[in-house]
Protein backbone atom coordinates (compact mmCIF):
# COMPACT_ATOMS: atom_id res chain seq x y z
CA UNK A 1 111.40 91.12 61.85
CA UNK A 2 109.31 93.73 60.06
CA UNK A 3 107.08 94.09 63.10
CA UNK A 4 110.00 94.78 65.46
CA UNK A 5 109.85 98.62 65.22
CA UNK A 6 106.07 98.47 65.78
CA UNK A 7 106.55 96.30 68.87
CA UNK A 8 109.17 98.70 70.21
CA UNK A 9 106.79 101.63 69.83
CA UNK A 10 104.01 99.73 71.57
CA UNK A 11 106.28 98.68 74.43
CA UNK A 12 107.50 102.27 74.82
CA UNK A 13 103.90 103.46 75.05
CA UNK A 14 103.07 100.72 77.57
CA UNK A 15 106.04 101.64 79.77
CA UNK A 16 105.08 105.33 79.68
CA UNK A 17 101.47 104.47 80.58
CA UNK A 18 102.75 102.21 83.38
CA UNK A 19 104.88 105.02 84.78
CA UNK A 20 101.97 107.46 84.57
CA UNK A 21 99.58 105.03 86.29
CA UNK A 22 102.13 104.42 89.06
CA UNK A 23 102.52 108.16 89.66
CA UNK A 24 98.75 108.69 89.74
CA UNK A 25 98.33 105.75 92.11
CA UNK A 26 100.95 107.14 94.50
CA UNK A 27 99.58 110.70 94.41
CA UNK A 28 95.91 109.90 94.96
CA UNK A 29 94.39 108.61 98.18
CA UNK A 30 92.45 109.55 101.29
CA UNK A 31 95.00 112.30 102.03
CA UNK A 32 95.50 114.86 99.27
CA UNK A 33 99.19 115.27 98.44
CA UNK A 34 100.12 117.48 95.50
CA UNK A 35 101.66 115.74 92.51
CA UNK A 36 104.86 117.84 92.71
CA UNK A 37 105.21 117.18 96.44
CA UNK A 38 104.81 113.45 95.86
CA UNK A 39 107.56 113.47 93.23
CA UNK A 40 109.87 115.47 95.50
CA UNK A 41 109.37 112.96 98.32
CA UNK A 42 109.99 110.02 95.96
CA UNK A 43 113.24 111.55 94.66
CA UNK A 44 114.60 112.13 98.16
CA UNK A 45 113.72 115.74 98.83
CA UNK A 46 112.86 116.15 102.50
CA UNK A 47 109.22 117.08 102.97
CA UNK A 48 108.19 119.81 105.37
CA UNK A 49 105.25 117.61 106.31
CA UNK A 50 106.61 114.45 107.94
CA UNK A 51 103.23 112.73 107.71
CA UNK A 52 103.25 113.09 103.90
CA UNK A 53 106.72 111.52 103.82
CA UNK A 54 105.47 108.60 105.91
CA UNK A 55 102.32 108.14 103.79
CA UNK A 56 104.31 108.03 100.53
CA UNK A 57 107.18 105.79 101.65
CA UNK A 58 105.45 103.46 104.10
CA UNK A 59 102.04 103.04 102.50
CA UNK A 60 101.52 104.33 98.96
CA UNK A 61 104.83 103.32 97.37
CA UNK A 62 104.73 99.73 98.76
CA UNK A 63 101.09 99.49 97.66
CA UNK A 64 101.94 100.66 94.12
CA UNK A 65 104.84 98.19 93.89
CA UNK A 66 102.54 95.45 95.19
CA UNK A 67 99.99 96.29 92.49
CA UNK A 68 102.69 96.10 89.80
CA UNK A 69 103.93 92.70 90.98
CA UNK A 70 100.44 91.29 91.57
CA UNK A 71 99.14 92.41 88.18
CA UNK A 72 102.22 91.32 86.27
CA UNK A 73 102.67 88.03 88.15
CA UNK A 74 99.06 86.89 87.86
CA UNK A 75 98.92 87.87 84.18
CA UNK A 76 102.09 85.92 83.41
CA UNK A 77 100.89 82.85 85.30
CA UNK A 78 97.61 83.04 83.37
CA UNK A 79 99.53 83.15 80.10
CA UNK A 80 101.55 80.09 81.14
CA UNK A 81 98.43 78.09 81.99
CA UNK A 82 96.57 79.06 78.83
CA UNK A 83 99.55 77.97 76.76
CA UNK A 84 100.26 74.75 78.66
CA UNK A 85 96.64 73.57 78.47
CA UNK A 86 95.89 75.29 75.14
CA UNK A 87 92.71 76.56 76.74
CA UNK A 88 91.71 80.26 76.55
CA UNK A 89 89.65 79.87 79.75
CA UNK A 90 92.57 78.64 81.85
CA UNK A 91 93.84 81.00 84.53
CA UNK A 92 96.60 81.05 87.16
CA UNK A 93 94.43 79.16 89.65
CA UNK A 94 93.32 76.16 87.57
CA UNK A 95 95.83 73.90 89.34
CA UNK A 96 94.20 74.57 92.72
CA UNK A 97 97.10 76.72 93.96
CA UNK A 98 94.80 79.57 95.02
CA UNK A 99 92.46 77.11 96.71
CA UNK A 100 95.42 75.69 98.62
CA UNK A 101 96.37 79.16 99.83
CA UNK A 102 92.74 79.79 100.80
CA UNK A 103 92.71 76.52 102.70
CA UNK A 104 95.84 77.50 104.61
CA UNK A 105 94.30 80.86 105.53
CA UNK A 106 90.99 79.21 106.48
CA UNK A 107 92.72 76.66 108.73
CA UNK A 108 94.54 79.46 110.54
CA UNK A 109 91.61 81.88 110.85
CA UNK A 110 88.65 79.54 111.25
CA UNK A 111 90.31 76.29 112.26
CA UNK A 112 92.27 77.94 115.05
CA UNK A 113 89.06 79.31 116.56
CA UNK A 114 87.65 75.78 116.79
CA UNK A 115 90.55 74.74 119.02
CA UNK A 116 90.70 78.09 120.86
CA UNK A 117 93.95 79.27 119.26
CA UNK A 118 93.05 82.76 118.14
CA UNK A 119 96.38 84.62 118.17
CA UNK A 120 97.85 85.23 114.75
CA UNK A 121 99.12 88.12 112.62
CA UNK A 122 99.75 89.00 108.99
CA UNK A 123 103.02 87.07 108.90
CA UNK A 124 101.53 83.81 110.19
CA UNK A 125 98.57 84.26 107.83
CA UNK A 126 100.91 84.65 104.86
CA UNK A 127 102.93 81.65 106.07
CA UNK A 128 99.81 79.48 106.38
CA UNK A 129 98.65 80.52 102.90
CA UNK A 130 102.08 79.80 101.45
CA UNK A 131 102.16 76.34 103.02
CA UNK A 132 98.69 75.59 101.67
CA UNK A 133 99.60 76.60 98.12
CA UNK A 134 102.92 74.74 98.34
CA UNK A 135 101.14 71.58 99.51
CA UNK A 136 98.72 71.63 96.58
CA UNK A 137 101.55 72.46 94.17
CA UNK A 138 103.54 69.48 95.49
CA UNK A 139 100.55 67.18 94.96
CA UNK A 140 100.12 68.51 91.41
CA UNK A 141 103.80 67.86 90.66
CA UNK A 142 103.49 64.29 91.97
CA UNK A 143 100.44 63.73 89.79
CA UNK A 144 102.19 65.35 86.79
CA UNK A 145 104.88 62.67 87.05
CA UNK A 146 102.22 59.96 86.68
CA UNK A 147 99.83 61.58 84.19
CA UNK A 148 101.02 62.08 80.62
CA UNK A 149 97.89 63.81 79.32
CA UNK A 150 97.92 67.59 79.89
CA UNK A 151 94.13 67.88 79.84
CA UNK A 152 93.86 65.17 82.49
CA UNK A 153 96.25 67.23 84.63
CA UNK A 154 93.95 70.24 84.19
CA UNK A 155 90.94 68.26 85.42
CA UNK A 156 92.93 66.89 88.37
CA UNK A 157 93.97 70.42 89.30
CA UNK A 158 90.34 71.51 89.26
CA UNK A 159 89.47 68.54 91.49
CA UNK A 160 92.14 69.58 93.99
CA UNK A 161 90.51 73.00 94.03
CA UNK A 162 87.10 71.43 94.66
CA UNK A 163 88.43 69.35 97.56
CA UNK A 164 90.05 72.33 99.28
CA UNK A 165 86.95 74.47 98.68
CA UNK A 166 84.83 71.75 100.33
CA UNK A 167 87.08 71.72 103.41
CA UNK A 168 86.82 75.50 103.64
CA UNK A 169 83.02 75.22 103.43
CA UNK A 170 82.98 72.75 106.33
CA UNK A 171 85.18 75.05 108.41
CA UNK A 172 82.89 77.99 107.54
CA UNK A 173 79.86 76.07 108.74
CA UNK A 174 81.30 75.43 112.21
CA UNK A 175 83.28 78.62 112.83
CA UNK A 176 82.18 81.71 114.74
CA UNK A 177 80.68 84.67 112.88
CA UNK A 178 83.55 87.07 113.59
CA UNK A 179 86.16 84.58 112.34
CA UNK A 180 84.11 83.86 109.25
CA UNK A 181 83.93 87.59 108.55
CA UNK A 182 87.70 87.84 108.99
CA UNK A 183 88.24 85.12 106.42
CA UNK A 184 85.81 86.76 104.00
CA UNK A 185 87.71 90.06 104.28
CA UNK A 186 90.95 88.20 103.46
CA UNK A 187 89.27 86.61 100.43
CA UNK A 188 88.42 90.08 99.07
CA UNK A 189 92.13 90.65 98.39
CA UNK A 190 94.22 93.62 99.51
CA UNK A 191 97.26 95.43 98.16
CA UNK A 192 97.88 97.78 101.08
CA UNK A 193 98.92 95.46 103.90
CA UNK A 194 102.45 94.49 102.84
CA UNK A 195 105.55 95.68 104.67
CA UNK A 196 108.85 96.23 102.87
CA UNK A 197 110.05 92.83 104.14
CA UNK A 198 106.98 91.01 102.78
CA UNK A 199 107.29 92.96 99.54
CA UNK A 200 110.85 91.67 99.15
CA UNK A 201 109.66 88.05 99.49
CA UNK A 202 106.98 88.56 96.83
CA UNK A 203 109.52 90.31 94.59
CA UNK A 204 111.98 87.41 94.83
CA UNK A 205 109.27 84.84 94.05
CA UNK A 206 108.00 86.96 91.15
CA UNK A 207 111.46 87.44 89.67
CA UNK A 208 112.18 83.71 89.93
CA UNK A 209 108.85 82.93 88.24
CA UNK A 210 109.64 85.39 85.43
CA UNK A 211 113.11 83.87 84.99
CA UNK A 212 111.68 80.34 84.67
CA UNK A 213 109.11 81.65 82.18
CA UNK A 214 111.78 83.30 80.03
CA UNK A 215 113.81 80.08 80.05
CA UNK A 216 110.67 78.25 78.83
CA UNK A 217 109.95 80.49 75.82
CA UNK A 218 110.86 77.82 73.26
CA UNK A 219 108.75 75.05 74.87
CA UNK A 220 105.85 77.49 75.34
CA UNK A 221 105.84 78.44 71.66
CA UNK A 222 106.03 74.75 70.74
CA UNK A 223 103.12 73.84 73.05
CA UNK A 224 100.89 76.18 71.04
CA UNK A 225 101.14 73.76 68.12
CA UNK A 226 100.57 70.67 70.24
CA UNK A 227 102.63 68.25 72.30
CA UNK A 228 103.52 66.08 69.29
CA UNK A 229 105.04 69.09 67.54
CA UNK A 230 106.96 70.01 70.69
CA UNK A 231 108.26 66.44 70.94
CA UNK A 232 109.39 66.56 67.30
CA UNK A 233 111.54 69.58 68.16
CA UNK A 234 113.33 67.58 70.82
CA UNK A 235 111.70 69.35 73.75
CA UNK A 236 111.42 67.33 76.95
CA UNK A 237 107.69 67.50 77.65
CA UNK A 238 107.85 66.36 81.27
CA UNK A 239 110.68 68.73 82.22
CA UNK A 240 108.97 71.65 80.47
CA UNK A 241 105.66 70.93 82.22
CA UNK A 242 107.43 70.84 85.58
CA UNK A 243 109.15 74.17 84.90
CA UNK A 244 105.93 75.87 83.80
CA UNK A 245 103.95 74.49 86.77
CA UNK A 246 106.66 75.57 89.25
CA UNK A 247 106.80 79.07 87.69
CA UNK A 248 103.01 79.36 87.98
CA UNK A 249 103.13 78.10 91.58
CA UNK A 250 105.77 80.66 92.55
CA UNK A 251 103.85 83.52 90.94
CA UNK A 252 100.28 82.69 91.91
CA UNK A 253 101.13 81.09 95.27
CA UNK A 254 103.24 83.93 96.67
CA UNK A 255 100.82 86.59 95.42
CA UNK A 256 97.78 84.82 96.87
CA UNK A 257 99.57 84.26 100.17
CA UNK A 258 100.36 87.94 100.70
CA UNK A 259 97.64 89.78 98.75
CA UNK A 260 94.76 87.29 98.87
CA UNK A 261 93.00 85.59 95.94
CA UNK A 262 92.60 88.23 93.23
CA UNK A 263 90.35 87.15 90.38
CA UNK A 264 90.03 87.96 86.68
CA UNK A 265 93.46 89.52 86.00
CA UNK A 266 95.29 86.31 85.11
CA UNK A 267 92.46 85.13 82.87
CA UNK A 268 91.82 88.36 80.98
CA UNK A 269 95.13 90.16 80.49
CA UNK A 270 96.71 87.55 78.15
CA UNK A 271 93.72 87.98 75.81
CA UNK A 272 94.11 91.77 75.91
CA UNK A 273 97.80 91.58 75.02
CA UNK A 274 97.14 89.17 72.13
CA UNK A 275 94.68 91.69 70.70
CA UNK A 276 97.13 94.57 71.16
CA UNK A 277 100.20 92.83 69.71
CA UNK A 278 98.58 90.37 67.25
CA UNK A 279 101.01 87.59 68.06
CA UNK A 280 101.21 84.47 70.21
CA UNK A 281 105.03 84.52 70.33
CA UNK A 282 106.05 84.37 73.99
CA UNK A 283 109.10 86.56 73.36
CA UNK A 284 106.59 89.35 72.90
CA UNK A 285 103.78 88.05 75.09
CA UNK A 286 105.75 87.65 78.34
CA UNK A 287 106.90 91.30 78.64
CA UNK A 288 103.55 92.46 77.24
CA UNK A 289 101.44 90.67 79.86
CA UNK A 290 103.75 91.91 82.63
CA UNK A 291 103.22 95.52 81.54
CA UNK A 292 99.49 95.24 80.81
CA UNK A 293 98.80 93.35 84.05
CA UNK A 294 100.65 95.94 86.10
CA UNK A 295 98.78 98.79 84.39
CA UNK A 296 95.38 97.16 84.93
CA UNK A 297 96.07 96.46 88.61
CA UNK A 298 97.31 100.02 89.23
CA UNK A 299 94.16 101.44 87.61
CA UNK A 300 91.90 99.12 89.59
CA UNK A 301 93.68 99.98 92.84
CA UNK A 302 93.40 103.71 92.12
CA UNK A 303 89.64 103.29 91.60
CA UNK A 304 89.29 101.04 94.65
CA UNK A 305 90.86 103.48 97.08
CA UNK A 306 88.33 106.22 96.14
CA UNK A 307 90.58 109.33 96.07
CA UNK A 308 89.65 111.77 98.84
CA UNK A 309 87.76 109.15 100.85
CA UNK A 310 88.87 106.88 103.68
CA UNK A 311 86.87 103.99 102.19
CA UNK A 312 88.61 101.27 100.17
CA UNK A 313 86.56 98.95 97.97
CA UNK A 314 87.46 95.25 97.61
CA UNK A 315 90.07 94.98 94.86
CA UNK A 316 88.48 91.74 93.61
CA UNK A 317 85.24 93.55 92.82
CA UNK A 318 87.01 96.34 90.95
CA UNK A 319 89.12 94.03 88.78
CA UNK A 320 86.01 92.21 87.58
CA UNK A 321 83.61 95.17 87.24
CA UNK A 322 85.99 97.36 85.25
CA UNK A 323 88.12 94.71 83.56
CA UNK A 324 85.56 92.28 82.17
CA UNK A 325 83.76 94.84 79.91
CA UNK A 326 87.13 95.83 78.40
CA UNK A 327 87.87 92.24 77.39
CA UNK A 328 84.33 91.70 76.07
CA UNK A 329 84.59 94.87 73.98
CA UNK A 330 88.00 93.87 72.59
CA UNK A 331 86.87 90.38 71.62
CA UNK A 332 83.59 91.59 70.08
CA UNK A 333 85.37 94.33 68.13
CA UNK A 334 88.02 91.93 66.77
CA UNK A 335 85.45 89.12 66.26
CA UNK A 336 88.31 86.67 66.47
CA UNK A 337 90.37 85.39 69.37
CA UNK A 338 94.09 85.13 68.65
CA UNK A 339 95.38 82.00 70.35
């Protein structure tokens, strides 16, 4: 209880930084819009320049909200996986959910070209990715009912990822160059292609994943001390594993389907928050990773869009190039990983 005021101060700072990063992200871009004008447009003041109004409300604001949900959702799913498997190297995609989404996208983009069905759009691409991730998630849940060992489930999840990656490689070998390039561009990840309708779907999946995570706080804290300890507290291991896996599937699957496979964030942010808050308690960790993940993704997106330029760098490259050194520095400086 003595740390509660300290945590409140840190959360207040995080929320202020998050708000600042969101404002900077919305204001900067290929078209220069003054900070004051951006705020006026956001708060409903009619802009004299209709193009600025369109840019803010139809492109930059959805992109900023997407970055917040992607960063927070992937970070939370990474925290869930690291706790469930008690492995600091586990991320949101260790169960093969991202690979399933990639397989769905590959079947639509590259597989369709092999049978001369080339017509598709962003909605069908997101649908195919969602079906792929849902299929792999369903297989993992079936296996989880048979396998009692959590580490065995981790290995099986990695094997599912290997199988789907192999199928994608075969499709890549036979597909045409332009379709292969299209798939590669999707695999880079993108935050700027979501409509308000798609954003609502991601928001609903993210909120449901957060709700399931909050309901699993007690089992998550117990899993940190081992499954035997959790069992001694009367926690249903199988039910808790199902809930955590479903929450991870909703978060990582929906985000990958609509924004593409975005690396690093889910693996790294939980370690950053443990260093900042010095606790493994999920009451603190869950809101902390949501805030830190959103901040990191907003910063990476701001860098990726190169303010004042029409060029946009792959978000995957930015998250790794600028995020990995931060984590390395934190861990080296602390000389001890809190887990």
